C-alpha atoms as a PDB file:
ATOM      1  CA  UNK A   1      -0.148  -0.064  -0.058  1.00  0.00           C
ATOM      2  CA  UNK A   2       1.348   3.258  -1.261  1.00  0.00           C
ATOM      3  CA  UNK A   3      -1.623   5.306   0.204  1.00  0.00           C
ATOM      4  CA  UNK A   4      -3.723   6.037   2.862  1.00  0.00           C
ATOM      5  CA  UNK A   5      -6.405   6.312   0.295  1.00  0.00           C
ATOM      6  CA  UNK A   6      -5.710   2.843  -0.822  1.00  0.00           C
ATOM      7  CA  UNK A   7      -7.043   1.995   2.918  1.00  0.00           C
ATOM      8  CA  UNK A   8     -10.837   3.990   2.239  1.00  0.00           C
ATOM      9  CA  UNK A   9     -11.323   1.974  -0.584  1.00  0.00           C
ATOM     10  CA  UNK A  10     -10.639  -1.275   1.898  1.00  0.00           C
ATOM     11  CA  UNK A  11     -13.065   0.031   4.372  1.00  0.00           C
ATOM     12  CA  UNK A  12     -16.366   1.612   2.143  1.00  0.00           C
ATOM     13  CA  UNK A  13     -19.335  -0.006   3.032  1.00  0.00           C
ATOM     14  CA  UNK A  14     -18.152  -1.494   6.112  1.00  0.00           C
ATOM     15  CA  UNK A  15     -20.351   0.950   8.087  1.00  0.00           C
ATOM     16  CA  UNK A  16     -19.499  -0.116  11.641  1.00  0.00           C
ATOM     17  CA  UNK A  17     -20.976   1.205  14.580  1.00  0.00           C
ATOM     18  CA  UNK A  18     -17.970   4.232  16.554  1.00  0.00           C
ATOM     19  CA  UNK A  19     -18.484   4.816  19.269  1.00  0.00           C
ATOM     20  CA  UNK A  20     -17.987   8.993  19.052  1.00  0.00           C
ATOM     21  CA  UNK A  21     -16.651  10.855  23.310  1.00  0.00           C
ATOM     22  CA  UNK A  22     -17.987  14.415  24.570  1.00  0.00           C
ATOM     23  CA  UNK A  23     -19.149  14.256  20.354  1.00  0.00           C
ATOM     24  CA  UNK A  24     -19.143  18.737  20.931  1.00  0.00           C
ATOM     25  CA  UNK A  25     -16.124  19.026  18.477  1.00  0.00           C
ATOM     26  CA  UNK A  26     -15.751  21.138  15.655  1.00  0.00           C
ATOM     27  CA  UNK A  27     -13.315  19.248  13.324  1.00  0.00           C
ATOM     28  CA  UNK A  28     -14.698  15.921  14.839  1.00  0.00           C
ATOM     29  CA  UNK A  29     -18.188  16.155  13.566  1.00  0.00           C
ATOM     30  CA  UNK A  30     -16.561  16.649  10.125  1.00  0.00           C
ATOM     31  CA  UNK A  31     -14.312  13.636  10.053  1.00  0.00           C
ATOM     32  CA  UNK A  32     -17.557  11.646  10.751  1.00  0.00           C
ATOM     33  CA  UNK A  33     -19.252  13.376   8.443  1.00  0.00           C
ATOM     34  CA  UNK A  34     -16.992  12.733   6.265  1.00  0.00           C
ATOM     35  CA  UNK A  35     -17.517   9.091   7.484  1.00  0.00           C
ATOM     36  CA  UNK A  36     -21.048   8.188   7.529  1.00  0.00           C
ATOM     37  CA  UNK A  37     -21.423   9.243   3.790  1.00  0.00           C
ATOM     38  CA  UNK A  38     -18.414   6.966   2.370  1.00  0.00           C
ATOM     39  CA  UNK A  39     -20.585   4.454   4.147  1.00  0.00           C
ATOM     40  CA  UNK A  40     -18.014   3.351   6.653  1.00  0.00           C
ATOM     41  CA  UNK A  41     -19.253   4.096   9.830  1.00  0.00           C
ATOM     42  CA  UNK A  42     -22.757   4.621  11.726  1.00  0.00           C
ATOM     43  CA  UNK A  43     -21.662   7.021  14.568  1.00  0.00           C
ATOM     44  CA  UNK A  44     -23.584   6.934  17.815  1.00  0.00           C
ATOM     45  CA  UNK A  45     -22.875  10.531  19.240  1.00  0.00           C
ATOM     46  CA  UNK A  46     -22.331  10.738  23.112  1.00  0.00           C
ATOM     47  CA  UNK A  47     -22.718  14.492  25.113  1.00  0.00           C
ATOM     48  CA  UNK A  48     -24.702  17.046  26.048  1.00  0.00           C
ATOM     49  CA  UNK A  49     -27.838  16.623  23.094  1.00  0.00           C
ATOM     50  CA  UNK A  50     -28.988  20.026  22.940  1.00  0.00           C
ATOM     51  CA  UNK A  51     -25.124  21.525  22.357  1.00  0.00           C
ATOM     52  CA  UNK A  52     -24.729  18.240  19.760  1.00  0.00           C
ATOM     53  CA  UNK A  53     -27.660  19.114  17.882  1.00  0.00           C
ATOM     54  CA  UNK A  54     -26.921  22.894  17.541  1.00  0.00           C
ATOM     55  CA  UNK A  55     -23.307  22.241  16.124  1.00  0.00           C
ATOM     56  CA  UNK A  56     -24.402  20.154  13.409  1.00  0.00           C
ATOM     57  CA  UNK A  57     -27.470  22.924  12.286  1.00  0.00           C
ATOM     58  CA  UNK A  58     -24.639  25.958  12.850  1.00  0.00           C
ATOM     59  CA  UNK A  59     -21.978  23.922  10.890  1.00  0.00           C
ATOM     60  CA  UNK A  60     -24.577  23.322   8.129  1.00  0.00           C
ATOM     61  CA  UNK A  61     -24.751  19.359   8.702  1.00  0.00           C
ATOM     62  CA  UNK A  62     -26.048  16.926   7.245  1.00  0.00           C
ATOM     63  CA  UNK A  63     -25.960  14.042   9.761  1.00  0.00           C
ATOM     64  CA  UNK A  64     -27.878  11.404  10.584  1.00  0.00           C
ATOM     65  CA  UNK A  65     -27.033   9.822  13.449  1.00  0.00           C
ATOM     66  CA  UNK A  66     -28.054   8.378  17.058  1.00  0.00           C
ATOM     67  CA  UNK A  67     -27.120  10.589  19.814  1.00  0.00           C
ATOM     68  CA  UNK A  68     -27.201  10.042  23.368  1.00  0.00           C
ATOM     69  CA  UNK A  69     -27.381  13.083  25.494  1.00  0.00           C
ATOM     70  CA  UNK A  70     -24.831  12.595  28.860  1.00  0.00           C
ATOM     71  CA  UNK A  71     -25.225  15.575  31.012  1.00  0.00           C
ATOM     72  CA  UNK A  72     -21.258  15.942  31.070  1.00  0.00           C
ATOM     73  CA  UNK A  73     -17.917  14.192  30.015  1.00  0.00           C
ATOM     74  CA  UNK A  74     -17.961  11.664  32.512  1.00  0.00           C
ATOM     75  CA  UNK A  75     -20.981  10.323  32.266  1.00  0.00           C
ATOM     76  CA  UNK A  76     -20.865  10.531  28.425  1.00  0.00           C
ATOM     77  CA  UNK A  77     -17.378   8.206  28.518  1.00  0.00           C
ATOM     78  CA  UNK A  78     -19.089   6.016  31.103  1.00  0.00           C
ATOM     79  CA  UNK A  79     -22.007   5.392  28.964  1.00  0.00           C
ATOM     80  CA  UNK A  80     -19.584   5.302  25.388  1.00  0.00           C
ATOM     81  CA  UNK A  81     -17.964   2.737  26.921  1.00  0.00           C
ATOM     82  CA  UNK A  82     -20.157   0.708  27.724  1.00  0.00           C
ATOM     83  CA  UNK A  83     -21.129   0.125  24.790  1.00  0.00           C
ATOM     84  CA  UNK A  84     -18.537  -0.861  23.389  1.00  0.00           C
ATOM     85  CA  UNK A  85     -18.190  -3.660  26.552  1.00  0.00           C
ATOM     86  CA  UNK A  86     -21.524  -4.691  25.052  1.00  0.00           C
ATOM     87  CA  UNK A  87     -20.910  -5.502  21.304  1.00  0.00           C
ATOM     88  CA  UNK A  88     -23.436  -1.909  21.072  1.00  0.00           C
ATOM     89  CA  UNK A  89     -20.346  -0.476  19.312  1.00  0.00           C
ATOM     90  CA  UNK A  90     -17.344  -1.170  17.410  1.00  0.00           C
ATOM     91  CA  UNK A  91     -15.169   1.410  18.075  1.00  0.00           C
ATOM     92  CA  UNK A  92     -14.312   4.736  20.151  1.00  0.00           C
ATOM     93  CA  UNK A  93     -13.731   8.035  18.823  1.00  0.00           C
ATOM     94  CA  UNK A  94     -12.390  10.454  21.359  1.00  0.00           C
ATOM     95  CA  UNK A  95     -13.777  13.921  21.286  1.00  0.00           C
ATOM     96  CA  UNK A  96     -13.369  16.889  23.093  1.00  0.00           C
ATOM     97  CA  UNK A  97     -12.589  14.477  26.427  1.00  0.00           C
ATOM     98  CA  UNK A  98      -8.563  14.326  28.393  1.00  0.00           C
ATOM     99  CA  UNK A  99      -7.138  11.409  27.387  1.00  0.00           C
ATOM    100  CA  UNK A 100      -6.606  10.707  30.092  1.00  0.00           C
ATOM    101  CA  UNK A 101     -10.835  10.868  31.127  1.00  0.00           C
ATOM    102  CA  UNK A 102     -11.552   8.705  28.526  1.00  0.00           C
ATOM    103  CA  UNK A 103      -9.139   5.819  29.953  1.00  0.00           C
ATOM    104  CA  UNK A 104      -9.982   5.637  32.853  1.00  0.00           C
ATOM    105  CA  UNK A 105     -12.745   4.053  32.293  1.00  0.00           C
ATOM    106  CA  UNK A 106     -12.167   2.789  29.267  1.00  0.00           C
ATOM    107  CA  UNK A 107      -9.599   0.792  31.736  1.00  0.00           C
ATOM    108  CA  UNK A 108     -12.091  -0.153  34.662  1.00  0.00           C
ATOM    109  CA  UNK A 109     -12.216  -4.164  34.856  1.00  0.00           C
ATOM    110  CA  UNK A 110     -16.358  -4.448  35.515  1.00  0.00           C
ATOM    111  CA  UNK A 111     -16.487  -3.350  31.245  1.00  0.00           C
ATOM    112  CA  UNK A 112     -14.204  -6.084  30.141  1.00  0.00           C
ATOM    113  CA  UNK A 113     -11.902  -3.428  27.401  1.00  0.00           C
ATOM    114  CA  UNK A 114      -8.523  -4.418  28.326  1.00  0.00           C
ATOM    115  CA  UNK A 115      -6.542  -7.790  27.260  1.00  0.00           C
ATOM    116  CA  UNK A 116      -3.216  -7.307  29.122  1.00  0.00           C
ATOM    117  CA  UNK A 117      -1.467  -5.885  26.326  1.00  0.00           C
ATOM    118  CA  UNK A 118      -0.309  -2.037  27.323  1.00  0.00           C
ATOM    119  CA  UNK A 119      -2.271   0.188  24.713  1.00  0.00           C
ATOM    120  CA  UNK A 120      -0.056   1.627  22.355  1.00  0.00           C
ATOM    121  CA  UNK A 121      -0.974   4.578  19.624  1.00  0.00           C
ATOM    122  CA  UNK A 122       0.088   3.626  15.787  1.00  0.00           C
ATOM    123  CA  UNK A 123       0.432   6.089  13.642  1.00  0.00           C
ATOM    124  CA  UNK A 124       0.052   5.490   9.819  1.00  0.00           C
ATOM    125  CA  UNK A 125       2.215   7.857   7.671  1.00  0.00           C
ATOM    126  CA  UNK A 126       1.839   8.695   3.875  1.00  0.00           C
ATOM    127  CA  UNK A 127       5.115  10.912   3.173  1.00  0.00           C
ATOM    128  CA  UNK A 128       5.886  12.172   0.183  1.00  0.00           C
ATOM    129  CA  UNK A 129       9.642  10.566  -0.655  1.00  0.00           C
ATOM    130  CA  UNK A 130       9.152   7.461   1.406  1.00  0.00           C
ATOM    131  CA  UNK A 131       8.125   4.125  -1.356  1.00  0.00           C
ATOM    132  CA  UNK A 132       5.188   3.086   0.605  1.00  0.00           C
ATOM    133  CA  UNK A 133       3.310   4.101   3.848  1.00  0.00           C
ATOM    134  CA  UNK A 134       5.323   4.307   7.403  1.00  0.00           C
ATOM    135  CA  UNK A 135       3.756   3.549  10.344  1.00  0.00           C
ATOM    136  CA  UNK A 136       5.031   4.264  13.372  1.00  0.00           C
ATOM    137  CA  UNK A 137       4.482   3.203  17.556  1.00  0.00           C
ATOM    138  CA  UNK A 138       4.210   4.641  20.264  1.00  0.00           C
ATOM    139  CA  UNK A 139       4.101   8.671  19.597  1.00  0.00           C
ATOM    140  CA  UNK A 140       0.734   9.179  21.894  1.00  0.00           C
ATOM    141  CA  UNK A 141       0.562   6.710  24.722  1.00  0.00           C
ATOM    142  CA  UNK A 142       3.862   5.103  26.496  1.00  0.00           C
ATOM    143  CA  UNK A 143       6.342   7.459  27.916  1.00  0.00           C
ATOM    144  CA  UNK A 144       8.464   5.889  28.895  1.00  0.00           C
ATOM    145  CA  UNK A 145       7.901   1.452  28.147  1.00  0.00           C
ATOM    146  CA  UNK A 146       9.400  -0.551  29.574  1.00  0.00           C
ATOM    147  CA  UNK A 147      10.682  -4.249  27.924  1.00  0.00           C
ATOM    148  CA  UNK A 148       6.856  -5.831  28.415  1.00  0.00           C
ATOM    149  CA  UNK A 149       5.868  -2.951  27.532  1.00  0.00           C
ATOM    150  CA  UNK A 150       7.466  -2.038  24.135  1.00  0.00           C
ATOM    151  CA  UNK A 151       6.869  -5.974  23.153  1.00  0.00           C
ATOM    152  CA  UNK A 152       3.478  -4.924  23.558  1.00  0.00           C
ATOM    153  CA  UNK A 153       3.835  -2.142  20.969  1.00  0.00           C
ATOM    154  CA  UNK A 154       5.581  -4.083  18.303  1.00  0.00           C
ATOM    155  CA  UNK A 155       2.575  -6.208  18.927  1.00  0.00           C
ATOM    156  CA  UNK A 156       0.048  -3.301  18.323  1.00  0.00           C
ATOM    157  CA  UNK A 157       2.144  -2.579  15.455  1.00  0.00           C
ATOM    158  CA  UNK A 158       2.042  -5.844  13.887  1.00  0.00           C
ATOM    159  CA  UNK A 159      -2.205  -6.247  14.746  1.00  0.00           C
ATOM    160  CA  UNK A 160      -2.122  -2.799  12.900  1.00  0.00           C
ATOM    161  CA  UNK A 161       0.553  -3.883  10.438  1.00  0.00           C
ATOM    162  CA  UNK A 162      -1.424  -6.800   9.057  1.00  0.00           C
ATOM    163  CA  UNK A 163      -4.909  -5.096   9.310  1.00  0.00           C
ATOM    164  CA  UNK A 164      -3.339  -2.596   6.120  1.00  0.00           C
ATOM    165  CA  UNK A 165      -1.937  -6.364   4.430  1.00  0.00           C
ATOM    166  CA  UNK A 166       0.761  -6.416   5.276  1.00  0.00           C
ATOM    167  CA  UNK A 167       1.627 -10.055   6.130  1.00  0.00           C
ATOM    168  CA  UNK A 168       5.342 -10.272   7.805  1.00  0.00           C
ATOM    169  CA  UNK A 169       5.989  -6.904   8.516  1.00  0.00           C
ATOM    170  CA  UNK A 170       9.961  -5.293   8.454  1.00  0.00           C
ATOM    171  CA  UNK A 171      10.222  -3.466  12.304  1.00  0.00           C
ATOM    172  CA  UNK A 172      13.324  -1.297  12.831  1.00  0.00           C
ATOM    173  CA  UNK A 173      13.652  -0.846  16.851  1.00  0.00           C
ATOM    174  CA  UNK A 174      14.793   2.852  16.696  1.00  0.00           C
ATOM    175  CA  UNK A 175      18.252   4.183  18.678  1.00  0.00           C
ATOM    176  CA  UNK A 176      21.305   4.713  18.935  1.00  0.00           C
ATOM    177  CA  UNK A 177      23.582   2.180  18.639  1.00  0.00           C
ATOM    178  CA  UNK A 178      25.791   3.734  21.736  1.00  0.00           C
ATOM    179  CA  UNK A 179      26.921   1.444  23.599  1.00  0.00           C
ATOM    180  CA  UNK A 180      27.028   3.725  26.238  1.00  0.00           C
ATOM    181  CA  UNK A 181      23.455   4.254  27.183  1.00  0.00           C
ATOM    182  CA  UNK A 182      21.827   1.229  28.681  1.00  0.00           C
ATOM    183  CA  UNK A 183      18.632   1.731  26.326  1.00  0.00           C
ATOM    184  CA  UNK A 184      20.869   0.736  23.249  1.00  0.00           C
ATOM    185  CA  UNK A 185      21.206  -2.254  25.575  1.00  0.00           C
ATOM    186  CA  UNK A 186      17.495  -2.660  26.230  1.00  0.00           C
ATOM    187  CA  UNK A 187      16.978  -1.992  22.566  1.00  0.00           C
ATOM    188  CA  UNK A 188      19.357  -4.806  21.148  1.00  0.00           C
ATOM    189  CA  UNK A 189      18.379  -7.537  24.021  1.00  0.00           C
ATOM    190  CA  UNK A 190      14.486  -6.493  22.448  1.00  0.00           C
ATOM    191  CA  UNK A 191      15.447  -7.376  18.657  1.00  0.00           C
ATOM    192  CA  UNK A 192      17.102 -10.719  19.382  1.00  0.00           C
ATOM    193  CA  UNK A 193      13.835 -11.187  21.082  1.00  0.00           C
ATOM    194  CA  UNK A 194      11.793 -10.589  18.387  1.00  0.00           C
ATOM    195  CA  UNK A 195      14.158 -12.035  15.643  1.00  0.00           C
ATOM    196  CA  UNK A 196      12.986 -15.537  17.119  1.00  0.00           C
ATOM    197  CA  UNK A 197       9.041 -14.431  15.729  1.00  0.00           C
ATOM    198  CA  UNK A 198       8.568 -15.960  11.643  1.00  0.00           C
ATOM    199  CA  UNK A 199       5.622 -13.168  11.077  1.00  0.00           C
ATOM    200  CA  UNK A 200       8.159 -10.012  11.086  1.00  0.00           C
ATOM    201  CA  UNK A 201      11.455  -9.119  10.506  1.00  0.00           C
ATOM    202  CA  UNK A 202      13.309  -7.500  13.061  1.00  0.00           C
ATOM    203  CA  UNK A 203      16.853  -5.333  13.739  1.00  0.00           C
ATOM    204  CA  UNK A 204      17.712  -2.804  15.673  1.00  0.00           C
ATOM    205  CA  UNK A 205      18.912  -0.603  17.386  1.00  0.00           C
ATOM    206  CA  UNK A 206      18.920   1.078  13.822  1.00  0.00           C
ATOM    207  CA  UNK A 207      18.681   4.890  13.540  1.00  0.00           C
ATOM    208  CA  UNK A 208      16.803   5.965  11.367  1.00  0.00           C
ATOM    209  CA  UNK A 209      18.264   7.032   7.808  1.00  0.00           C
ATOM    210  CA  UNK A 210      19.905   3.576   8.352  1.00  0.00           C
ATOM    211  CA  UNK A 211      15.978   2.116   8.528  1.00  0.00           C
ATOM    212  CA  UNK A 212      14.574   3.688   5.378  1.00  0.00           C
ATOM    213  CA  UNK A 213      17.064   5.256   3.307  1.00  0.00           C
ATOM    214  CA  UNK A 214      17.640   2.964   0.016  1.00  0.00           C
ATOM    215  CA  UNK A 215      20.644   4.734  -0.113  1.00  0.00           C
ATOM    216  CA  UNK A 216      21.768   4.417   2.925  1.00  0.00           C
ATOM    217  CA  UNK A 217      21.026   0.653   3.342  1.00  0.00           C
ATOM    218  CA  UNK A 218      23.947  -0.530   2.091  1.00  0.00           C
ATOM    219  CA  UNK A 219      26.080   1.230   5.662  1.00  0.00           C
ATOM    220  CA  UNK A 220      23.785  -1.287   7.950  1.00  0.00           C
ATOM    221  CA  UNK A 221      25.515  -4.262   7.094  1.00  0.00           C
ATOM    222  CA  UNK A 222      23.961  -6.914   7.107  1.00  0.00           C
ATOM    223  CA  UNK A 223      20.565  -5.854   8.129  1.00  0.00           C
ATOM    224  CA  UNK A 224      17.272  -7.432   6.857  1.00  0.00           C
ATOM    225  CA  UNK A 225      14.943  -4.053   6.346  1.00  0.00           C
ATOM    226  CA  UNK A 226      17.271  -1.611   6.235  1.00  0.00           C
ATOM    227  CA  UNK A 227      16.154   1.387   3.423  1.00  0.00           C
ATOM    228  CA  UNK A 228      13.327  -0.569   3.406  1.00  0.00           C
ATOM    229  CA  UNK A 229      11.059  -0.673   7.045  1.00  0.00           C
ATOM    230  CA  UNK A 230       7.830  -0.957   7.429  1.00  0.00           C
ATOM    231  CA  UNK A 231       6.845  -0.222  10.978  1.00  0.00           C
ATOM    232  CA  UNK A 232       9.162   2.279  12.827  1.00  0.00           C
ATOM    233  CA  UNK A 233       9.404   1.459  16.944  1.00  0.00           C
ATOM    234  CA  UNK A 234      10.483   4.262  19.080  1.00  0.00           C
ATOM    235  CA  UNK A 235      12.564   4.627  21.868  1.00  0.00           C
ATOM    236  CA  UNK A 236      10.479   7.275  23.448  1.00  0.00           C
ATOM    237  CA  UNK A 237       7.228   9.114  22.774  1.00  0.00           C
ATOM    238  CA  UNK A 238       8.628  12.103  22.875  1.00  0.00           C
ATOM    239  CA  UNK A 239      10.691  10.940  20.089  1.00  0.00           C
ATOM    240  CA  UNK A 240       7.413   9.936  18.744  1.00  0.00           C
ATOM    241  CA  UNK A 241       4.680  12.509  18.676  1.00  0.00           C
ATOM    242  CA  UNK A 242       8.325  14.324  17.367  1.00  0.00           C
ATOM    243  CA  UNK A 243       8.363  12.351  14.713  1.00  0.00           C
ATOM    244  CA  UNK A 244       5.626  11.761  13.870  1.00  0.00           C
ATOM    245  CA  UNK A 245       4.115  15.719  13.625  1.00  0.00           C
ATOM    246  CA  UNK A 246       7.498  16.668  11.451  1.00  0.00           C
ATOM    247  CA  UNK A 247       6.333  13.688   8.715  1.00  0.00           C
ATOM    248  CA  UNK A 248       2.732  15.732   9.096  1.00  0.00           C
ATOM    249  CA  UNK A 249       3.124  19.311   9.161  1.00  0.00           C
ATOM    250  CA  UNK A 250       7.196  19.748   7.346  1.00  0.00           C
ATOM    251  CA  UNK A 251       7.256  16.648   5.090  1.00  0.00           C
ATOM    252  CA  UNK A 252       4.280  17.601   3.875  1.00  0.00           C
ATOM    253  CA  UNK A 253       2.122  14.038   5.165  1.00  0.00           C
ATOM    254  CA  UNK A 254      -0.827  12.366   5.608  1.00  0.00           C
ATOM    255  CA  UNK A 255      -1.631  10.062   8.604  1.00  0.00           C
ATOM    256  CA  UNK A 256      -4.134   8.204  10.335  1.00  0.00           C
ATOM    257  CA  UNK A 257      -3.831   7.498  14.362  1.00  0.00           C
ATOM    258  CA  UNK A 258      -5.606   4.256  16.627  1.00  0.00           C
ATOM    259  CA  UNK A 259      -4.961   3.301  19.648  1.00  0.00           C
ATOM    260  CA  UNK A 260      -4.346  -1.313  19.792  1.00  0.00           C
ATOM    261  CA  UNK A 261      -4.532  -3.085  22.636  1.00  0.00           C
ATOM    262  CA  UNK A 262      -7.650  -3.286  23.358  1.00  0.00           C
ATOM    263  CA  UNK A 263     -11.423  -5.333  22.642  1.00  0.00           C
ATOM    264  CA  UNK A 264     -11.806  -2.135  20.375  1.00  0.00           C
ATOM    265  CA  UNK A 265      -9.371   0.430  18.718  1.00  0.00           C
ATOM    266  CA  UNK A 266      -9.829   3.966  20.265  1.00  0.00           C
ATOM    267  CA  UNK A 267      -9.667   6.675  17.792  1.00  0.00           C
ATOM    268  CA  UNK A 268      -7.370   9.256  19.275  1.00  0.00           C
ATOM    269  CA  UNK A 269      -6.648  12.281  16.968  1.00  0.00           C
ATOM    270  CA  UNK A 270      -4.777  15.705  18.948  1.00  0.00           C
ATOM    271  CA  UNK A 271      -6.417  19.539  18.794  1.00  0.00           C
ATOM    272  CA  UNK A 272      -5.042  20.202  16.339  1.00  0.00           C
ATOM    273  CA  UNK A 273      -5.613  17.751  13.618  1.00  0.00           C
ATOM    274  CA  UNK A 274      -7.447  18.699  10.912  1.00  0.00           C
ATOM    275  CA  UNK A 275     -10.023  16.870  10.024  1.00  0.00           C
ATOM    276  CA  UNK A 276      -8.881  14.680   7.653  1.00  0.00           C
ATOM    277  CA  UNK A 277      -6.408  12.991  10.091  1.00  0.00           C
ATOM    278  CA  UNK A 278      -9.173  12.469  11.977  1.00  0.00           C
ATOM    279  CA  UNK A 279     -11.222  11.188   8.855  1.00  0.00           C
ATOM    280  CA  UNK A 280      -8.607   9.034   7.654  1.00  0.00           C
ATOM    281  CA  UNK A 281      -7.579   7.518  11.258  1.00  0.00           C
ATOM    282  CA  UNK A 282     -11.194   6.365  11.558  1.00  0.00           C
ATOM    283  CA  UNK A 283     -10.768   4.661   8.459  1.00  0.00           C
ATOM    284  CA  UNK A 284      -7.885   2.718   9.613  1.00  0.00           C
ATOM    285  CA  UNK A 285      -9.165   2.146  13.163  1.00  0.00           C
ATOM    286  CA  UNK A 286     -12.628   0.321  11.129  1.00  0.00           C
ATOM    287  CA  UNK A 287      -9.670  -1.787   9.169  1.00  0.00           C
ATOM    288  CA  UNK A 288      -8.083  -2.920  12.294  1.00  0.00           C
ATOM    289  CA  UNK A 289     -11.507  -3.933  13.741  1.00  0.00           C
ATOM    290  CA  UNK A 290     -12.384  -6.366  10.858  1.00  0.00           C
ATOM    291  CA  UNK A 291      -9.192  -7.340  11.363  1.00  0.00           C
ATOM    292  CA  UNK A 292      -9.925  -8.357  15.313  1.00  0.00           C
ATOM    293  CA  UNK A 293     -13.305  -9.404  14.162  1.00  0.00           C
END
């Protein structure tokens, strides 16, 4: 897959139910309207009914959607998570609510949405100059992952890659290669562990340029993925966030973001993300939900 519009074609007509948490948000509503028109999802909007209806009318949106009234954001997230827990909706989407408030409810054992794996944000990028789509994780949730969390981040990335039709993804564990840095040794150990798998190809630590540059691939020794990585696993949330945002705002790339690791995928975009990023993230979440199902 070379661009994200191919992803949209794969999910057109799927019409999965998406629970939008605190739907009183203009950019979110515009993305949901587009996804509805493309027959990708059937939205259920959780939030203050009057505010949602006023926004839809003021923005002149053509949106046919069920609205579940909630007095505040805490009630909205509870009702939305309950709907996912009962399989009434297959995807959750963050609206005008803090990420922490959403996941503090999502992770409660009583709702049964935990799988035992670490939740992680996976972003999929269409980047001018790179020969295929590029997956990056984790630049959104796990602040400073330990070894087990890094393994879960890789596992979640593999799920997204397979959802996109990449059956045996090439995964680069990014790092500097500086042996004086304890993190380098941890990444090298993780690489050795993951190289025992037969469902992916893993190498690391690799620098960013070695992972994605075909011109520099020969300098990476006998690395099986140099210059052709499908997935980049970053060292920290800061590194992942900076890399992803650079590809969007400096390289003029397109992106889709989804949180995986739970029983249902979660569309988790930031306030700065535009309608297209949110729309593409909805499409990606449908692909992931379809693969899990």
